[in-house]
Amino acid sequence: MFVVVTYDVVEDRRRNKVMKTLKGYGRHVQKSVFECHLDPPRIEAMVRKLSGLIDPQKDSVRIYVIPPRALRKVIALGVGEVTREEKVVVV
């Protein structure tokens, strides 16, 4: 599944932890935005990790799961492109 994760974390230390965690799941495409290709168990694991890093009274993380059909309609302007799923060949 294609997942877009955005975050607004108030404190630098927490923000850095969120960013480092998300680097393990996807591609950093803008200051507070990651694009990921994840299966449901990885999405759940990511949500659990992020939940433990943020202050829910001050911070915000939004996770958008985009269906494959809708992904074809994503429009990217300017620098960069939409993260495409890497094809994996197992030999």
Protein backbone atom coordinates (compact mmCIF):
# COMPACT_ATOMS: atom_id res chain seq x y z
CA MET A 1 0.00 0.00 0.00
CA PHE A 2 1.15 3.54 -0.69
CA VAL A 3 1.25 5.59 2.49
CA VAL A 4 1.94 9.29 2.99
CA VAL A 5 3.02 10.29 6.49
CA THR A 6 3.06 13.93 7.59
CA TYR A 7 4.08 15.22 10.97
CA ASP A 8 4.18 18.42 12.98
CA VAL A 9 6.23 17.79 16.10
CA VAL A 10 6.89 20.74 18.39
CA GLU A 11 10.13 19.73 20.11
CA ASP A 12 13.36 19.19 18.11
CA ARG A 13 14.38 16.03 19.96
CA ARG A 14 11.02 14.30 19.39
CA ARG A 15 10.90 15.55 15.80
CA ASN A 16 14.32 14.05 15.08
CA LYS A 17 13.25 10.71 16.56
CA VAL A 18 10.11 10.70 14.40
CA MET A 19 12.15 11.52 11.29
CA LYS A 20 14.74 8.80 12.00
CA THR A 21 11.99 6.27 12.62
CA LEU A 22 10.23 7.14 9.37
CA LYS A 23 13.49 6.79 7.41
CA GLY A 24 13.23 3.08 8.22
CA TYR A 25 9.86 2.89 6.50
CA GLY A 26 10.03 5.12 3.45
CA ARG A 27 11.45 8.03 1.52
CA HIS A 28 11.80 11.54 2.95
CA VAL A 29 10.26 13.73 0.22
CA GLN A 30 9.68 17.06 2.00
CA LYS A 31 10.59 18.55 5.39
CA SER A 32 7.82 16.76 7.28
CA VAL A 33 6.55 14.31 4.67
CA PHE A 34 7.46 10.69 3.91
CA GLU A 35 6.17 8.40 1.16
CA CYS A 36 6.20 4.68 1.90
CA HIS A 37 5.16 1.39 0.34
CA LEU A 38 4.09 -0.80 3.26
CA ASP A 39 1.97 -3.86 3.94
CA PRO A 40 -0.65 -3.68 6.74
CA PRO A 41 1.58 -5.25 9.44
CA ARG A 42 4.35 -2.69 8.73
CA ILE A 43 1.81 0.14 8.85
CA GLU A 44 0.64 -1.10 12.25
CA ALA A 45 4.23 -1.37 13.50
CA MET A 46 4.98 2.16 12.29
CA VAL A 47 1.88 3.53 14.03
CA ARG A 48 2.89 1.84 17.30
CA LYS A 49 6.42 3.25 17.13
CA LEU A 50 5.28 6.76 16.25
CA SER A 51 2.63 6.70 18.99
CA GLY A 52 5.38 6.10 21.53
CA LEU A 53 7.50 8.99 20.25
CA ILE A 54 5.08 11.90 20.12
CA ASP A 55 3.31 13.97 22.73
CA PRO A 56 -0.35 13.57 21.72
CA GLN A 57 -1.22 16.82 23.49
CA LYS A 58 1.24 18.87 21.38
CA ASP A 59 2.24 16.92 18.26
CA SER A 60 0.43 15.68 15.18
CA VAL A 61 1.12 12.75 12.84
CA ARG A 62 -1.17 12.01 9.92
CA ILE A 63 -1.01 8.80 7.92
CA TYR A 64 -2.80 8.64 4.58
CA VAL A 65 -3.23 5.22 3.00
CA ILE A 66 -3.75 5.75 -0.73
CA PRO A 67 -5.35 2.97 -2.78
CA PRO A 68 -3.48 1.90 -5.95
CA ARG A 69 -6.15 3.34 -8.25
CA ALA A 70 -5.93 6.75 -6.58
CA LEU A 71 -2.13 6.72 -6.72
CA ARG A 72 -2.31 6.99 -10.51
CA LYS A 73 -4.04 10.34 -10.02
CA VAL A 74 -1.39 11.88 -7.76
CA ILE A 75 0.05 15.04 -9.30
CA ALA A 76 3.53 16.18 -8.31
CA LEU A 77 4.71 19.64 -9.36
CA GLY A 78 8.22 21.02 -9.13
CA VAL A 79 11.23 19.15 -7.83
CA GLY A 80 10.90 15.45 -7.13
CA GLU A 81 8.47 12.77 -8.12
CA VAL A 82 6.04 10.42 -6.42
CA THR A 83 7.84 7.47 -4.83
CA ARG A 84 7.28 4.37 -6.94
CA GLU A 85 7.29 0.90 -5.48
CA GLU A 86 10.58 -0.83 -6.17
CA LYS A 87 10.26 -4.08 -8.05
CA VAL A 88 11.96 -6.89 -6.19
CA VAL A 89 13.18 -10.02 -7.92
CA VAL A 90 13.96 -13.03 -5.76
CA VAL A 91 16.31 -15.58 -7.29
